[in-house]
């Protein structure tokens, strides 16, 4: 079985394959849980080399049984997602998907290979360790609630209209909120979550007030690098490991 670059018509199937690789309880807090994400994948494939995303697929009898999504970040080849359907498991599909993209990355002068993996996914962590990757950092995911009947205060957003158009098409979006001498980036996942990065952002009361006034039914999802402060009134839902290795040192 060989891996090849995806074509625009593969987008829906790629989404199906990658979704099956996640615990259903995790789907609400990732892009692949958003209705419309297949349009985003298709758009990135159509952009070709102009996009930082690369999609590789393996087919069995003409049907995609394995798919991988990569990003090129400077000199780093970053694995976003890789998944193999039961019909393709046990045939080296995952390794083949990685090998084809890694060889392509090496030919382009990329130097590093990185990925994020759930710390609770012991089989995946063990596989990546056997490939030569080492844990370099951790990120924790926390759920919080918005204040009810909050007032937005002096906070505002200048790009929300554009973000709304993106959200209607892809099911996720990002917009800026200005206030308190800061500008915060806020993501939206489906109709359920505001996505915030860092405790400074997540704990800003003015921002919480703005978001609560905007949509108090959403929950907050905070992504925190390193060790979080103690006694935070949020629910820890997951911890991911950042794993990396020089591209030449990957054992495929």
C-alpha atoms as a PDB file:
ATOM      1  CA  UNK A   1       0.000   0.000   0.000  1.00  0.00           C
ATOM      2  CA  UNK A   2       1.361   3.418  -0.978  1.00  0.00           C
ATOM      3  CA  UNK A   3       0.653   6.954   0.161  1.00  0.00           C
ATOM      4  CA  UNK A   4      -0.087   9.832  -2.155  1.00  0.00           C
ATOM      5  CA  UNK A   5      -1.071  13.469  -2.020  1.00  0.00           C
ATOM      6  CA  UNK A   6      -4.781  14.138  -1.545  1.00  0.00           C
ATOM      7  CA  UNK A   7      -6.997  15.790  -4.161  1.00  0.00           C
ATOM      8  CA  UNK A   8      -9.873  18.178  -3.380  1.00  0.00           C
ATOM      9  CA  UNK A   9     -12.488  15.452  -3.766  1.00  0.00           C
ATOM     10  CA  UNK A  10     -10.839  13.509  -0.902  1.00  0.00           C
ATOM     11  CA  UNK A  11     -11.656  16.162   1.709  1.00  0.00           C
ATOM     12  CA  UNK A  12     -14.869  14.615   3.051  1.00  0.00           C
ATOM     13  CA  UNK A  13     -13.322  11.173   3.373  1.00  0.00           C
ATOM     14  CA  UNK A  14     -10.208  12.589   5.047  1.00  0.00           C
ATOM     15  CA  UNK A  15     -12.434  14.200   7.682  1.00  0.00           C
ATOM     16  CA  UNK A  16     -14.300  10.913   8.234  1.00  0.00           C
ATOM     17  CA  UNK A  17     -11.072   8.963   8.695  1.00  0.00           C
ATOM     18  CA  UNK A  18      -9.462  11.473  11.053  1.00  0.00           C
ATOM     19  CA  UNK A  19     -12.621  11.822  13.130  1.00  0.00           C
ATOM     20  CA  UNK A  20     -12.715   8.085  13.828  1.00  0.00           C
ATOM     21  CA  UNK A  21      -9.275   8.364  15.409  1.00  0.00           C
ATOM     22  CA  UNK A  22     -10.582  10.547  18.240  1.00  0.00           C
ATOM     23  CA  UNK A  23     -12.565   9.711  21.351  1.00  0.00           C
ATOM     24  CA  UNK A  24     -16.094  11.086  20.663  1.00  0.00           C
ATOM     25  CA  UNK A  25     -15.915  12.994  23.948  1.00  0.00           C
ATOM     26  CA  UNK A  26     -12.911  14.925  22.562  1.00  0.00           C
ATOM     27  CA  UNK A  27     -14.570  15.927  19.283  1.00  0.00           C
ATOM     28  CA  UNK A  28     -16.192  19.088  20.615  1.00  0.00           C
ATOM     29  CA  UNK A  29     -12.867  20.759  21.398  1.00  0.00           C
ATOM     30  CA  UNK A  30     -11.031  20.137  18.105  1.00  0.00           C
ATOM     31  CA  UNK A  31     -11.419  21.583  14.621  1.00  0.00           C
ATOM     32  CA  UNK A  32     -12.405  18.200  13.222  1.00  0.00           C
ATOM     33  CA  UNK A  33     -15.482  18.231  15.433  1.00  0.00           C
ATOM     34  CA  UNK A  34     -16.817  21.323  13.641  1.00  0.00           C
ATOM     35  CA  UNK A  35     -19.474  21.068  10.956  1.00  0.00           C
ATOM     36  CA  UNK A  36     -17.959  22.448   7.767  1.00  0.00           C
ATOM     37  CA  UNK A  37     -14.348  21.468   8.431  1.00  0.00           C
ATOM     38  CA  UNK A  38     -14.384  19.427   5.196  1.00  0.00           C
ATOM     39  CA  UNK A  39     -14.732  22.719   3.289  1.00  0.00           C
ATOM     40  CA  UNK A  40     -11.612  23.989   5.044  1.00  0.00           C
ATOM     41  CA  UNK A  41      -9.648  20.839   4.189  1.00  0.00           C
ATOM     42  CA  UNK A  42     -10.759  21.077   0.561  1.00  0.00           C
ATOM     43  CA  UNK A  43      -9.744  24.744   0.389  1.00  0.00           C
ATOM     44  CA  UNK A  44      -6.276  23.963   1.758  1.00  0.00           C
ATOM     45  CA  UNK A  45      -5.780  21.121  -0.739  1.00  0.00           C
ATOM     46  CA  UNK A  46      -6.786  23.424  -3.598  1.00  0.00           C
ATOM     47  CA  UNK A  47      -4.186  25.974  -2.484  1.00  0.00           C
ATOM     48  CA  UNK A  48      -1.446  23.427  -3.068  1.00  0.00           C
ATOM     49  CA  UNK A  49       2.047  24.700  -2.256  1.00  0.00           C
ATOM     50  CA  UNK A  50       0.578  28.083  -1.248  1.00  0.00           C
ATOM     51  CA  UNK A  51      -0.878  26.433   1.863  1.00  0.00           C
ATOM     52  CA  UNK A  52       1.202  25.342   4.870  1.00  0.00           C
ATOM     53  CA  UNK A  53      -0.982  22.217   5.057  1.00  0.00           C
ATOM     54  CA  UNK A  54      -0.179  18.928   3.354  1.00  0.00           C
ATOM     55  CA  UNK A  55      -2.555  15.950   3.180  1.00  0.00           C
ATOM     56  CA  UNK A  56      -1.465  12.380   2.417  1.00  0.00           C
ATOM     57  CA  UNK A  57      -3.788   9.401   1.960  1.00  0.00           C
ATOM     58  CA  UNK A  58      -3.541   5.628   1.534  1.00  0.00           C
ATOM     59  CA  UNK A  59      -6.181   3.842  -0.534  1.00  0.00           C
ATOM     60  CA  UNK A  60      -7.367   0.246  -0.504  1.00  0.00           C
ATOM     61  CA  UNK A  61      -9.447  -0.759  -3.496  1.00  0.00           C
ATOM     62  CA  UNK A  62      -9.725   2.912  -4.376  1.00  0.00           C
ATOM     63  CA  UNK A  63     -11.114   3.825  -0.944  1.00  0.00           C
ATOM     64  CA  UNK A  64      -9.141   5.923   1.557  1.00  0.00           C
ATOM     65  CA  UNK A  65      -8.313   3.859   4.645  1.00  0.00           C
ATOM     66  CA  UNK A  66      -5.624   6.123   6.114  1.00  0.00           C
ATOM     67  CA  UNK A  67      -5.045   9.865   6.134  1.00  0.00           C
ATOM     68  CA  UNK A  68      -2.536  12.296   7.593  1.00  0.00           C
ATOM     69  CA  UNK A  69      -2.533  16.073   7.893  1.00  0.00           C
ATOM     70  CA  UNK A  70       0.785  17.931   8.180  1.00  0.00           C
ATOM     71  CA  UNK A  71       1.778  21.585   8.472  1.00  0.00           C
ATOM     72  CA  UNK A  72       5.009  23.226   7.426  1.00  0.00           C
ATOM     73  CA  UNK A  73       6.048  25.711  10.103  1.00  0.00           C
ATOM     74  CA  UNK A  74       9.316  27.341   9.104  1.00  0.00           C
ATOM     75  CA  UNK A  75      11.858  24.503   9.029  1.00  0.00           C
ATOM     76  CA  UNK A  76       9.555  22.153  10.988  1.00  0.00           C
ATOM     77  CA  UNK A  77       7.304  19.455   9.592  1.00  0.00           C
ATOM     78  CA  UNK A  78       4.424  19.240  12.071  1.00  0.00           C
ATOM     79  CA  UNK A  79       2.079  16.261  12.171  1.00  0.00           C
ATOM     80  CA  UNK A  80      -1.410  17.536  12.983  1.00  0.00           C
ATOM     81  CA  UNK A  81      -3.315  14.266  12.642  1.00  0.00           C
ATOM     82  CA  UNK A  82      -2.869  10.711  11.401  1.00  0.00           C
ATOM     83  CA  UNK A  83      -5.556   8.029  11.454  1.00  0.00           C
ATOM     84  CA  UNK A  84      -6.058   4.577   9.945  1.00  0.00           C
ATOM     85  CA  UNK A  85      -9.400   2.788   9.615  1.00  0.00           C
ATOM     86  CA  UNK A  86      -9.652  -0.802  10.916  1.00  0.00           C
ATOM     87  CA  UNK A  87      -9.577  -2.070   7.317  1.00  0.00           C
ATOM     88  CA  UNK A  88      -6.100  -0.617   6.892  1.00  0.00           C
ATOM     89  CA  UNK A  89      -4.617  -1.447  10.270  1.00  0.00           C
ATOM     90  CA  UNK A  90      -1.810  -3.963  10.527  1.00  0.00           C
ATOM     91  CA  UNK A  91      -0.483  -3.082   7.087  1.00  0.00           C
ATOM     92  CA  UNK A  92       1.944  -0.301   8.010  1.00  0.00           C
ATOM     93  CA  UNK A  93      -0.374   2.444   6.732  1.00  0.00           C
ATOM     94  CA  UNK A  94       0.488   4.940   9.461  1.00  0.00           C
ATOM     95  CA  UNK A  95       4.211   4.507   8.923  1.00  0.00           C
ATOM     96  CA  UNK A  96       3.789   4.772   5.158  1.00  0.00           C
ATOM     97  CA  UNK A  97       1.904   8.065   5.473  1.00  0.00           C
ATOM     98  CA  UNK A  98       4.653   9.491   7.675  1.00  0.00           C
ATOM     99  CA  UNK A  99       7.474   8.151   5.519  1.00  0.00           C
ATOM    100  CA  UNK A 100       6.209   9.731   2.302  1.00  0.00           C
ATOM    101  CA  UNK A 101       5.772  13.157   3.877  1.00  0.00           C
ATOM    102  CA  UNK A 102       9.067  12.981   5.774  1.00  0.00           C
ATOM    103  CA  UNK A 103      10.958  12.162   2.586  1.00  0.00           C
ATOM    104  CA  UNK A 104       9.255  15.100   0.898  1.00  0.00           C
ATOM    105  CA  UNK A 105      10.140  17.356   3.827  1.00  0.00           C
ATOM    106  CA  UNK A 106      13.774  16.310   3.762  1.00  0.00           C
ATOM    107  CA  UNK A 107      13.966  17.077   0.043  1.00  0.00           C
ATOM    108  CA  UNK A 108      12.655  20.567   0.810  1.00  0.00           C
ATOM    109  CA  UNK A 109      15.299  21.199   3.467  1.00  0.00           C
ATOM    110  CA  UNK A 110      13.054  20.871   6.518  1.00  0.00           C
ATOM    111  CA  UNK A 111      15.001  20.015   9.660  1.00  0.00           C
ATOM    112  CA  UNK A 112      12.610  19.192  12.501  1.00  0.00           C
ATOM    113  CA  UNK A 113       9.653  16.861  13.018  1.00  0.00           C
ATOM    114  CA  UNK A 114       7.098  17.614  15.739  1.00  0.00           C
ATOM    115  CA  UNK A 115       3.634  16.622  16.869  1.00  0.00           C
ATOM    116  CA  UNK A 116       1.211  16.842  19.776  1.00  0.00           C
ATOM    117  CA  UNK A 117      -0.298  13.691  21.264  1.00  0.00           C
ATOM    118  CA  UNK A 118      -2.672  13.085  24.154  1.00  0.00           C
ATOM    119  CA  UNK A 119      -0.651  12.045  27.178  1.00  0.00           C
ATOM    120  CA  UNK A 120      -3.309   9.422  27.979  1.00  0.00           C
ATOM    121  CA  UNK A 121      -2.813   7.743  24.587  1.00  0.00           C
ATOM    122  CA  UNK A 122      -0.051   5.399  25.741  1.00  0.00           C
ATOM    123  CA  UNK A 123       0.112   3.283  22.532  1.00  0.00           C
ATOM    124  CA  UNK A 124       0.603   6.394  20.376  1.00  0.00           C
ATOM    125  CA  UNK A 125       3.191   7.877  22.738  1.00  0.00           C
ATOM    126  CA  UNK A 126       5.084   4.570  22.737  1.00  0.00           C
ATOM    127  CA  UNK A 127       5.003   4.392  18.928  1.00  0.00           C
ATOM    128  CA  UNK A 128       6.350   7.911  18.561  1.00  0.00           C
ATOM    129  CA  UNK A 129       9.096   7.173  21.066  1.00  0.00           C
ATOM    130  CA  UNK A 130      10.136   4.155  18.992  1.00  0.00           C
ATOM    131  CA  UNK A 131      10.322   6.464  15.973  1.00  0.00           C
ATOM    132  CA  UNK A 132      12.837   8.585  17.892  1.00  0.00           C
ATOM    133  CA  UNK A 133      10.676  11.438  19.212  1.00  0.00           C
ATOM    134  CA  UNK A 134      11.126  12.848  22.704  1.00  0.00           C
ATOM    135  CA  UNK A 135       8.741  14.889  24.828  1.00  0.00           C
ATOM    136  CA  UNK A 136       9.802  18.540  24.889  1.00  0.00           C
ATOM    137  CA  UNK A 137       6.770  20.275  26.452  1.00  0.00           C
ATOM    138  CA  UNK A 138       3.242  19.745  27.740  1.00  0.00           C
ATOM    139  CA  UNK A 139      -0.023  21.642  27.274  1.00  0.00           C
ATOM    140  CA  UNK A 140      -3.114  21.287  29.461  1.00  0.00           C
ATOM    141  CA  UNK A 141      -6.725  21.833  28.386  1.00  0.00           C
ATOM    142  CA  UNK A 142      -9.234  23.334  30.816  1.00  0.00           C
ATOM    143  CA  UNK A 143     -12.969  23.998  30.694  1.00  0.00           C
ATOM    144  CA  UNK A 144     -14.555  27.014  32.363  1.00  0.00           C
ATOM    145  CA  UNK A 145     -17.866  28.861  32.328  1.00  0.00           C
ATOM    146  CA  UNK A 146     -18.769  32.415  31.377  1.00  0.00           C
ATOM    147  CA  UNK A 147     -20.371  34.870  33.782  1.00  0.00           C
ATOM    148  CA  UNK A 148     -24.106  35.246  33.290  1.00  0.00           C
ATOM    149  CA  UNK A 149     -25.555  38.619  32.309  1.00  0.00           C
ATOM    150  CA  UNK A 150     -22.038  40.002  31.906  1.00  0.00           C
ATOM    151  CA  UNK A 151     -21.361  43.493  30.584  1.00  0.00           C
ATOM    152  CA  UNK A 152     -18.782  43.925  27.808  1.00  0.00           C
ATOM    153  CA  UNK A 153     -17.278  47.061  29.374  1.00  0.00           C
ATOM    154  CA  UNK A 154     -14.756  48.847  27.159  1.00  0.00           C
ATOM    155  CA  UNK A 155     -13.831  45.762  25.152  1.00  0.00           C
ATOM    156  CA  UNK A 156     -14.580  45.522  21.454  1.00  0.00           C
ATOM    157  CA  UNK A 157     -13.786  43.513  18.323  1.00  0.00           C
ATOM    158  CA  UNK A 158     -12.937  45.013  14.929  1.00  0.00           C
ATOM    159  CA  UNK A 159     -12.909  41.798  12.883  1.00  0.00           C
ATOM    160  CA  UNK A 160     -15.917  39.924  14.222  1.00  0.00           C
ATOM    161  CA  UNK A 161     -17.990  40.410  11.056  1.00  0.00           C
ATOM    162  CA  UNK A 162     -15.319  38.742   8.953  1.00  0.00           C
ATOM    163  CA  UNK A 163     -14.944  35.957  11.524  1.00  0.00           C
ATOM    164  CA  UNK A 164     -18.699  35.336  11.361  1.00  0.00           C
ATOM    165  CA  UNK A 165     -18.465  34.712   7.613  1.00  0.00           C
ATOM    166  CA  UNK A 166     -15.584  32.275   8.142  1.00  0.00           C
ATOM    167  CA  UNK A 167     -17.518  30.533  10.897  1.00  0.00           C
ATOM    168  CA  UNK A 168     -20.591  30.093   8.725  1.00  0.00           C
ATOM    169  CA  UNK A 169     -18.474  28.353   6.095  1.00  0.00           C
ATOM    170  CA  UNK A 170     -16.043  26.253   8.130  1.00  0.00           C
ATOM    171  CA  UNK A 171     -17.698  25.854  11.548  1.00  0.00           C
ATOM    172  CA  UNK A 172     -14.776  27.486  13.391  1.00  0.00           C
ATOM    173  CA  UNK A 173     -13.176  30.918  13.408  1.00  0.00           C
ATOM    174  CA  UNK A 174     -10.890  33.343  15.228  1.00  0.00           C
ATOM    175  CA  UNK A 175     -11.339  37.022  16.049  1.00  0.00           C
ATOM    176  CA  UNK A 176      -9.543  39.722  18.022  1.00  0.00           C
ATOM    177  CA  UNK A 177     -10.813  41.464  21.146  1.00  0.00           C
ATOM    178  CA  UNK A 178      -9.243  44.765  22.154  1.00  0.00           C
ATOM    179  CA  UNK A 179      -9.446  46.175  25.669  1.00  0.00           C
ATOM    180  CA  UNK A 180      -7.493  46.817  28.822  1.00  0.00           C
ATOM    181  CA  UNK A 181      -4.445  47.862  26.725  1.00  0.00           C
ATOM    182  CA  UNK A 182      -4.299  44.305  25.337  1.00  0.00           C
ATOM    183  CA  UNK A 183      -5.450  42.498  22.239  1.00  0.00           C
ATOM    184  CA  UNK A 184      -6.599  38.933  22.734  1.00  0.00           C
ATOM    185  CA  UNK A 185      -7.102  36.267  20.071  1.00  0.00           C
ATOM    186  CA  UNK A 186     -10.268  34.243  20.634  1.00  0.00           C
ATOM    187  CA  UNK A 187     -11.207  31.110  18.728  1.00  0.00           C
ATOM    188  CA  UNK A 188     -14.673  29.662  18.321  1.00  0.00           C
ATOM    189  CA  UNK A 189     -15.267  25.918  17.950  1.00  0.00           C
ATOM    190  CA  UNK A 190     -18.672  25.028  16.567  1.00  0.00           C
ATOM    191  CA  UNK A 191     -21.449  26.427  18.717  1.00  0.00           C
ATOM    192  CA  UNK A 192     -20.068  25.282  22.054  1.00  0.00           C
ATOM    193  CA  UNK A 193     -16.677  26.815  22.930  1.00  0.00           C
ATOM    194  CA  UNK A 194     -14.590  29.943  22.990  1.00  0.00           C
ATOM    195  CA  UNK A 195     -10.949  28.867  22.702  1.00  0.00           C
ATOM    196  CA  UNK A 196      -8.372  30.876  24.679  1.00  0.00           C
ATOM    197  CA  UNK A 197      -4.612  30.419  24.872  1.00  0.00           C
ATOM    198  CA  UNK A 198      -2.799  31.074  28.166  1.00  0.00           C
ATOM    199  CA  UNK A 199      -3.992  31.895  31.673  1.00  0.00           C
ATOM    200  CA  UNK A 200      -3.598  35.638  31.177  1.00  0.00           C
ATOM    201  CA  UNK A 201      -6.158  35.494  28.422  1.00  0.00           C
ATOM    202  CA  UNK A 202      -8.432  33.013  30.204  1.00  0.00           C
ATOM    203  CA  UNK A 203      -8.454  34.961  33.474  1.00  0.00           C
ATOM    204  CA  UNK A 204      -9.030  38.459  32.028  1.00  0.00           C
ATOM    205  CA  UNK A 205     -12.376  39.599  33.553  1.00  0.00           C
ATOM    206  CA  UNK A 206     -13.017  42.207  30.862  1.00  0.00           C
ATOM    207  CA  UNK A 207     -12.594  39.633  28.121  1.00  0.00           C
ATOM    208  CA  UNK A 208     -14.866  37.194  29.970  1.00  0.00           C
ATOM    209  CA  UNK A 209     -17.462  39.945  30.254  1.00  0.00           C
ATOM    210  CA  UNK A 210     -17.263  40.693  26.530  1.00  0.00           C
ATOM    211  CA  UNK A 211     -17.574  37.021  25.589  1.00  0.00           C
ATOM    212  CA  UNK A 212     -20.391  36.465  28.082  1.00  0.00           C
ATOM    213  CA  UNK A 213     -22.365  39.323  26.591  1.00  0.00           C
ATOM    214  CA  UNK A 214     -21.674  37.978  23.122  1.00  0.00           C
ATOM    215  CA  UNK A 215     -22.754  34.373  23.799  1.00  0.00           C
ATOM    216  CA  UNK A 216     -23.220  33.265  27.396  1.00  0.00           C
ATOM    217  CA  UNK A 217     -24.179  29.716  26.358  1.00  0.00           C
ATOM    218  CA  UNK A 218     -20.664  28.873  25.210  1.00  0.00           C
ATOM    219  CA  UNK A 219     -18.084  27.372  27.514  1.00  0.00           C
ATOM    220  CA  UNK A 220     -14.461  28.469  27.748  1.00  0.00           C
ATOM    221  CA  UNK A 221     -11.656  26.186  26.623  1.00  0.00           C
ATOM    222  CA  UNK A 222      -8.246  27.327  27.865  1.00  0.00           C
ATOM    223  CA  UNK A 223      -5.001  25.938  26.456  1.00  0.00           C
ATOM    224  CA  UNK A 224      -2.158  26.389  28.918  1.00  0.00           C
ATOM    225  CA  UNK A 225       1.512  25.675  28.270  1.00  0.00           C
ATOM    226  CA  UNK A 226       3.672  24.530  31.141  1.00  0.00           C
ATOM    227  CA  UNK A 227       2.447  24.307  34.727  1.00  0.00           C
ATOM    228  CA  UNK A 228      -0.893  26.036  35.453  1.00  0.00           C
ATOM    229  CA  UNK A 229      -1.434  28.028  38.649  1.00  0.00           C
ATOM    230  CA  UNK A 230      -2.863  26.166  41.621  1.00  0.00           C
ATOM    231  CA  UNK A 231      -6.515  26.177  42.687  1.00  0.00           C
ATOM    232  CA  UNK A 232      -7.967  27.377  39.386  1.00  0.00           C
ATOM    233  CA  UNK A 233     -11.782  27.064  39.223  1.00  0.00           C
ATOM    234  CA  UNK A 234     -11.650  25.208  35.933  1.00  0.00           C
ATOM    235  CA  UNK A 235     -11.989  21.537  34.945  1.00  0.00           C
ATOM    236  CA  UNK A 236      -8.882  19.815  33.600  1.00  0.00           C
ATOM    237  CA  UNK A 237      -9.955  17.742  30.575  1.00  0.00           C
ATOM    238  CA  UNK A 238      -6.697  16.658  28.932  1.00  0.00           C
ATOM    239  CA  UNK A 239      -2.928  17.019  28.761  1.00  0.00           C
ATOM    240  CA  UNK A 240      -1.008  16.766  25.495  1.00  0.00           C
ATOM    241  CA  UNK A 241       2.680  16.134  24.961  1.00  0.00           C
ATOM    242  CA  UNK A 242       4.744  18.015  22.376  1.00  0.00           C
ATOM    243  CA  UNK A 243       7.175  15.503  20.901  1.00  0.00           C
ATOM    244  CA  UNK A 244      10.022  16.383  18.541  1.00  0.00           C
ATOM    245  CA  UNK A 245      13.162  15.087  16.843  1.00  0.00           C
ATOM    246  CA  UNK A 246      15.479  16.213  14.060  1.00  0.00           C
ATOM    247  CA  UNK A 247      13.955  15.087  10.781  1.00  0.00           C
ATOM    248  CA  UNK A 248      17.109  13.114   9.926  1.00  0.00           C
ATOM    249  CA  UNK A 249      16.819  11.244  13.225  1.00  0.00           C
ATOM    250  CA  UNK A 250      13.308   9.914  12.603  1.00  0.00           C
ATOM    251  CA  UNK A 251      13.345   6.080  12.507  1.00  0.00           C
ATOM    252  CA  UNK A 252      10.904   5.151   9.763  1.00  0.00           C
END
